[in-house]
N, C-alpha and C. Protein backbone atom coordinates (compact mmCIF):
# COMPACT_ATOMS: atom_id res chain seq x y z
N SER A 1 -13.94 59.86 -28.66
CA SER A 1 -12.40 60.62 -28.12
C SER A 1 -12.69 61.88 -28.89
N SER A 2 -12.13 63.07 -28.79
CA SER A 2 -12.28 64.10 -29.18
C SER A 2 -11.07 64.13 -30.79
N SER A 3 -11.55 65.22 -31.34
CA SER A 3 -10.43 65.52 -32.54
C SER A 3 -8.94 65.40 -31.75
N GLN A 4 -9.02 66.39 -30.83
CA GLN A 4 -7.39 66.82 -30.31
C GLN A 4 -7.00 65.40 -29.64
N GLU A 5 -7.61 64.69 -28.79
CA GLU A 5 -7.25 63.31 -28.58
C GLU A 5 -6.50 62.50 -29.87
N VAL A 6 -7.15 62.21 -30.53
CA VAL A 6 -6.84 61.60 -31.98
C VAL A 6 -5.63 62.30 -32.65
N LEU A 7 -5.82 63.62 -32.58
CA LEU A 7 -4.53 64.21 -32.85
C LEU A 7 -3.04 63.96 -32.27
N GLU A 8 -3.47 64.01 -30.89
CA GLU A 8 -2.34 63.48 -29.83
C GLU A 8 -1.82 62.22 -30.30
N GLN A 9 -2.59 61.32 -30.20
CA GLN A 9 -2.32 60.08 -30.46
C GLN A 9 -1.47 59.88 -31.73
N PHE A 10 -1.99 60.43 -32.55
CA PHE A 10 -1.57 60.45 -33.89
C PHE A 10 0.29 60.67 -33.87
N TRP A 11 0.28 61.97 -33.03
CA TRP A 11 1.63 62.57 -32.94
C TRP A 11 2.64 61.72 -32.08
N THR A 12 2.16 61.22 -31.10
CA THR A 12 2.72 60.18 -30.31
C THR A 12 3.34 58.90 -31.18
N GLN A 13 2.60 58.23 -31.79
CA GLN A 13 2.79 57.13 -32.59
C GLN A 13 3.55 57.37 -33.65
N ASN A 14 3.41 58.35 -34.01
CA ASN A 14 4.75 58.90 -35.33
C ASN A 14 5.63 59.89 -34.74
N SER A 15 5.97 59.95 -33.47
CA SER A 15 7.10 60.62 -33.05
C SER A 15 8.48 60.49 -34.05
N TRP A 16 8.56 59.51 -34.67
CA TRP A 16 9.92 59.45 -35.49
C TRP A 16 9.69 60.28 -36.57
N THR A 17 8.82 61.38 -36.73
CA THR A 17 8.79 62.47 -37.98
C THR A 17 9.50 63.21 -37.22
N ARG A 18 10.07 63.19 -35.87
CA ARG A 18 10.87 64.64 -35.42
C ARG A 18 12.16 64.48 -36.04
N ASN A 19 12.40 63.09 -36.14
CA ASN A 19 13.95 62.93 -36.64
C ASN A 19 14.12 63.22 -38.37
N TRP A 20 13.24 63.60 -38.78
CA TRP A 20 13.26 63.59 -39.94
C TRP A 20 12.78 64.57 -40.24
N PHE A 21 11.95 65.68 -39.62
CA PHE A 21 11.41 66.97 -39.90
C PHE A 21 11.37 67.38 -38.54
N PRO A 22 12.79 67.81 -38.09
CA PRO A 22 13.13 68.45 -36.92
C PRO A 22 12.16 69.67 -36.50
N LYS A 23 12.24 70.55 -37.68
CA LYS A 23 11.34 71.88 -37.55
C LYS A 23 9.69 71.66 -37.67
N ASN A 24 9.22 70.63 -37.63
CA ASN A 24 8.15 70.14 -38.01
C ASN A 24 7.23 70.69 -36.43
N GLN A 25 6.11 71.35 -36.44
CA GLN A 25 5.29 71.71 -35.05
C GLN A 25 4.31 70.97 -34.76
N TRP A 26 3.92 70.42 -33.57
CA TRP A 26 2.87 69.82 -33.40
C TRP A 26 1.75 71.02 -33.50
N ARG A 27 0.62 70.57 -33.93
CA ARG A 27 -0.68 71.81 -34.07
C ARG A 27 -1.69 71.19 -33.24
N LEU A 28 -2.24 72.31 -32.72
CA LEU A 28 -3.73 71.76 -31.96
C LEU A 28 -4.63 71.59 -33.30
N TYR A 29 -5.49 70.60 -33.13
CA TYR A 29 -6.81 70.76 -33.48
C TYR A 29 -7.70 71.68 -33.83
N THR A 30 -7.84 72.08 -35.10
CA THR A 30 -8.97 73.06 -35.37
C THR A 30 -10.16 73.03 -35.80
N GLY A 31 -11.48 72.88 -35.30
CA GLY A 31 -12.84 72.81 -35.90
C GLY A 31 -13.22 73.90 -36.83
N ILE A 32 -14.00 73.35 -37.68
CA ILE A 32 -14.20 74.47 -38.46
C ILE A 32 -15.29 75.50 -37.87
N SER A 33 -15.57 74.84 -36.93
CA SER A 33 -16.66 75.86 -36.17
C SER A 33 -15.91 77.08 -35.29
N ASP A 34 -14.66 76.49 -35.00
CA ASP A 34 -13.48 77.50 -34.36
C ASP A 34 -12.88 78.26 -35.54
N LEU A 35 -13.20 78.51 -36.95
CA LEU A 35 -12.78 79.32 -38.12
C LEU A 35 -13.47 80.90 -37.87
N LYS A 36 -12.78 81.77 -37.96
CA LYS A 36 -13.50 82.73 -37.80
C LYS A 36 -13.43 83.61 -39.59
N PRO A 37 -14.62 83.88 -40.06
CA PRO A 37 -14.91 84.12 -41.85
C PRO A 37 -13.95 85.53 -41.87
N TYR A 38 -13.60 85.73 -42.84
CA TYR A 38 -13.09 86.94 -43.20
C TYR A 38 -14.45 88.20 -43.36
N TRP A 39 -13.74 89.52 -43.17
CA TRP A 39 -14.96 90.33 -42.94
C TRP A 39 -15.94 90.47 -44.07
N TRP A 40 -15.38 90.02 -45.63
CA TRP A 40 -16.08 90.23 -46.53
C TRP A 40 -16.97 89.11 -47.18
N HIS A 41 -16.74 88.35 -46.11
CA HIS A 41 -17.34 87.25 -46.73
C HIS A 41 -18.80 87.08 -46.93
N LYS A 42 -19.65 88.18 -46.26
CA LYS A 42 -21.11 88.22 -46.46
C LYS A 42 -21.35 88.41 -47.84
N PRO A 43 -20.50 90.01 -48.05
CA PRO A 43 -20.94 90.82 -49.57
C PRO A 43 -20.67 89.64 -50.43
N TYR A 44 -19.62 88.98 -50.25
CA TYR A 44 -19.25 88.18 -51.54
C TYR A 44 -20.10 87.27 -51.69
N GLU A 45 -20.85 86.34 -50.65
CA GLU A 45 -21.83 85.71 -50.94
C GLU A 45 -22.77 86.10 -51.64
N GLN A 46 -23.79 87.56 -50.95
CA GLN A 46 -24.48 87.95 -51.83
C GLN A 46 -24.21 88.28 -53.08
N LEU A 47 -22.88 88.78 -53.38
CA LEU A 47 -22.90 89.11 -55.15
C LEU A 47 -22.97 87.95 -55.89
N VAL A 48 -22.49 86.44 -55.20
CA VAL A 48 -22.22 85.38 -55.72
C VAL A 48 -23.80 84.69 -56.33
N GLU A 49 -24.62 84.90 -54.97
CA GLU A 49 -25.68 84.57 -55.36
C GLU A 49 -26.74 85.57 -56.30
N PHE A 50 -26.57 86.84 -55.99
CA PHE A 50 -27.18 87.65 -56.99
C PHE A 50 -27.16 87.30 -58.36
N CYS A 51 -25.36 87.16 -59.09
CA CYS A 51 -25.03 87.14 -60.28
C CYS A 51 -25.60 85.73 -60.87
N GLY A 52 -25.68 84.69 -59.67
CA GLY A 52 -25.70 83.25 -60.57
C GLY A 52 -24.87 82.79 -60.88
N GLY A 53 -24.88 81.28 -61.20
CA GLY A 53 -23.83 80.65 -61.45
C GLY A 53 -23.29 80.94 -63.03
N GLU A 54 -24.22 81.40 -64.06
CA GLU A 54 -23.79 81.12 -65.11
C GLU A 54 -23.09 82.72 -65.57
N VAL A 55 -23.20 83.76 -64.96
CA VAL A 55 -22.47 84.88 -65.06
C VAL A 55 -21.16 84.13 -64.57
N TRP A 56 -20.86 83.72 -63.31
CA TRP A 56 -19.32 83.40 -63.33
C TRP A 56 -18.73 82.30 -64.05
N ASN A 57 -19.46 81.50 -64.45
CA ASN A 57 -19.25 80.68 -65.69
C ASN A 57 -18.62 81.13 -66.61
N THR A 58 -19.20 82.44 -67.29
CA THR A 58 -19.00 83.33 -68.31
C THR A 58 -17.97 84.20 -68.09
N VAL A 59 -17.55 84.72 -67.21
CA VAL A 59 -16.23 84.88 -66.67
C VAL A 59 -15.37 84.19 -66.66
N ALA A 60 -15.45 83.06 -66.01
CA ALA A 60 -14.11 81.85 -65.57
C ALA A 60 -13.57 81.88 -67.28
N ARG A 61 -14.76 81.29 -67.99
CA ARG A 61 -14.47 80.89 -69.61
C ARG A 61 -13.95 81.64 -69.86
N TRP A 62 -14.09 83.16 -69.99
CA TRP A 62 -13.32 84.06 -70.84
C TRP A 62 -12.11 84.55 -69.82
N VAL A 63 -11.95 84.00 -68.94
CA VAL A 63 -10.33 84.30 -68.13
C VAL A 63 -9.51 83.29 -68.79
N GLN A 64 -10.29 82.38 -68.76
CA GLN A 64 -9.43 81.13 -68.99
C GLN A 64 -9.16 80.79 -70.68
N ARG A 65 -9.79 81.16 -71.55
CA ARG A 65 -9.32 81.18 -72.54
C ARG A 65 -8.40 82.45 -73.22
N ASN A 66 -8.71 83.60 -72.47
CA ASN A 66 -7.50 84.44 -72.87
C ASN A 66 -6.11 84.04 -71.88
N LYS A 67 -6.10 83.51 -71.05
CA LYS A 67 -5.14 82.82 -70.48
C LYS A 67 -4.25 81.78 -71.42
N ILE A 68 -5.19 80.97 -72.05
CA ILE A 68 -4.79 79.64 -72.65
C ILE A 68 -4.12 80.52 -73.96
N TYR A 69 -4.85 81.24 -74.43
CA TYR A 69 -4.21 82.01 -75.90
C TYR A 69 -3.24 82.88 -76.27
N ALA A 70 -2.67 83.65 -74.57
CA ALA A 70 -2.05 84.51 -74.35
C ALA A 70 -0.47 83.46 -74.20
N ASN A 71 -0.77 82.19 -74.14
CA ASN A 71 0.74 81.42 -73.88
C ASN A 71 1.34 81.40 -75.06
N ARG A 72 2.63 81.30 -75.26
CA ARG A 72 3.22 81.41 -76.39
C ARG A 72 3.47 80.04 -76.98
N LEU A 73 3.12 78.89 -76.36
CA LEU A 73 2.97 77.88 -76.87
C LEU A 73 1.57 77.88 -78.02
N THR A 74 0.73 78.21 -77.85
CA THR A 74 -0.52 78.39 -78.44
C THR A 74 -0.30 79.02 -80.32
N LYS A 75 0.99 79.70 -80.08
CA LYS A 75 1.05 80.36 -81.16
C LYS A 75 2.23 79.59 -82.07
N GLU A 76 2.56 78.34 -81.47
CA GLU A 76 3.43 77.62 -82.84
C GLU A 76 2.71 76.99 -83.97
N PRO A 77 3.41 77.23 -84.98
CA PRO A 77 2.72 77.05 -86.66
C PRO A 77 2.09 75.80 -86.74
N ARG A 78 2.61 74.98 -86.05
CA ARG A 78 1.80 73.59 -85.90
C ARG A 78 0.72 73.24 -84.64
N ALA A 79 0.93 74.10 -83.66
CA ALA A 79 0.21 73.71 -82.22
C ALA A 79 -1.26 73.47 -82.65
N ARG A 80 -1.76 72.30 -82.12
CA ARG A 80 -3.35 72.06 -82.28
C ARG A 80 -3.81 72.53 -80.29
N ILE A 81 -4.27 73.55 -80.66
CA ILE A 81 -4.83 74.07 -79.37
C ILE A 81 -6.40 74.19 -79.69
N ARG A 82 -6.95 73.70 -79.23
CA ARG A 82 -8.60 74.06 -79.34
C ARG A 82 -9.20 74.22 -77.41
N VAL A 83 -10.10 74.94 -77.77
CA VAL A 83 -10.97 75.37 -76.27
C VAL A 83 -12.28 76.00 -76.54
N GLY A 84 -12.68 74.89 -76.38
CA GLY A 84 -14.58 75.12 -76.20
C GLY A 84 -15.23 74.62 -75.07
N ASP A 85 -16.46 74.44 -75.10
CA ASP A 85 -17.40 74.21 -74.17
C ASP A 85 -17.65 72.59 -74.12
N THR A 86 -17.07 71.76 -75.11
CA THR A 86 -17.07 70.67 -75.26
C THR A 86 -15.64 69.68 -75.33
N GLU A 87 -14.91 70.70 -75.58
CA GLU A 87 -13.40 69.89 -76.03
C GLU A 87 -12.39 70.84 -75.29
N LEU A 88 -11.38 70.48 -74.87
CA LEU A 88 -9.58 70.98 -74.30
C LEU A 88 -9.00 70.32 -75.06
N GLU A 89 -8.08 70.78 -75.84
CA GLU A 89 -6.82 69.98 -76.53
C GLU A 89 -6.06 70.97 -76.64
N PHE A 90 -4.72 70.60 -75.69
CA PHE A 90 -3.31 70.77 -75.82
C PHE A 90 -2.27 70.11 -76.26
N HIS A 91 -1.94 70.31 -77.34
CA HIS A 91 -0.81 69.72 -78.37
C HIS A 91 -0.19 70.65 -78.92
N PRO A 92 0.94 71.46 -78.34
CA PRO A 92 1.88 72.40 -78.66
C PRO A 92 2.58 71.98 -79.86
N HIS A 93 2.95 70.51 -79.19
CA HIS A 93 4.13 69.90 -80.33
C HIS A 93 3.52 68.73 -80.66
N PRO A 94 2.26 68.26 -81.37
CA PRO A 94 1.88 67.04 -81.68
C PRO A 94 2.85 66.15 -82.46
N ASN A 95 2.73 64.77 -82.27
CA ASN A 95 3.58 64.33 -82.84
C ASN A 95 2.91 63.69 -84.26
N SER A 96 1.40 63.71 -83.97
CA SER A 96 0.69 63.41 -85.22
C SER A 96 1.47 64.24 -86.54
N ASN A 97 1.99 65.40 -86.60
CA ASN A 97 2.23 66.02 -87.57
C ASN A 97 3.59 65.69 -88.11
N GLN A 98 4.30 65.20 -87.17
CA GLN A 98 5.70 64.32 -87.78
C GLN A 98 5.30 63.16 -88.48
N ILE A 99 4.46 62.24 -87.68
CA ILE A 99 4.21 61.10 -88.49
C ILE A 99 3.26 61.09 -89.78
N LEU A 100 2.41 61.99 -89.88
CA LEU A 100 2.05 62.28 -91.23
C LEU A 100 3.01 62.74 -92.22
N ASP A 101 3.90 63.64 -91.76
CA ASP A 101 5.25 63.77 -92.82
C ASP A 101 5.69 62.81 -93.32
N ARG A 102 5.82 61.96 -91.93
CA ARG A 102 6.94 60.81 -92.74
C ARG A 102 6.22 60.00 -93.82
N MET A 103 5.19 59.57 -93.15
CA MET A 103 3.89 58.85 -94.23
C MET A 103 3.98 59.25 -95.46
N ASN A 104 3.80 60.88 -95.63
CA ASN A 104 3.98 61.19 -97.01
C ASN A 104 4.97 61.20 -97.71
N GLN A 105 5.76 61.09 -97.01
CA GLN A 105 7.50 60.94 -97.66
C GLN A 105 7.40 59.92 -98.17
N ARG A 106 7.15 58.85 -97.30
CA ARG A 106 7.11 57.29 -97.60
C ARG A 106 6.23 56.92 -98.78
N ARG A 107 5.27 57.40 -98.98
CA ARG A 107 4.31 57.58 -99.94
C ARG A 107 4.93 57.72 -101.56
N LEU A 108 5.69 58.95 -101.03
CA LEU A 108 6.25 59.51 -102.36
C LEU A 108 7.44 58.55 -102.80
N GLU A 109 8.19 58.14 -101.80
CA GLU A 109 9.11 56.73 -102.11
C GLU A 109 8.75 55.76 -102.87
N LEU A 110 7.42 55.11 -102.53
CA LEU A 110 6.76 54.26 -102.91
C LEU A 110 6.20 54.34 -104.16
N GLY A 111 6.03 55.76 -104.40
CA GLY A 111 5.16 55.86 -105.76
C GLY A 111 3.70 55.77 -105.58
N LEU A 112 3.41 56.04 -104.35
CA LEU A 112 1.85 56.23 -104.25
C LEU A 112 1.06 57.18 -104.13
């Protein structure tokens, strides 16, 4: 059976969805071979191939780091935000600081 037939069987067997989603449009199957590429896809592919993966990784790393550090939560006084090639840590309001404060307070109370 063709993909279009399978899709039609699905819609027939699940016609109850019309009651829940009245504006839902049944659609035709579109195969990947039917899709038309954008006009810029060839020059883009050539640029990606020419620069190689390491260049794009470097650009992506730079953009991501700038975006992370521009976030206001990274500027919180006790925030633990670490961004590296081997570690990503996002704790803008870590509980460990509060627990450490309570432990230190309890030590003082106990005279330790």
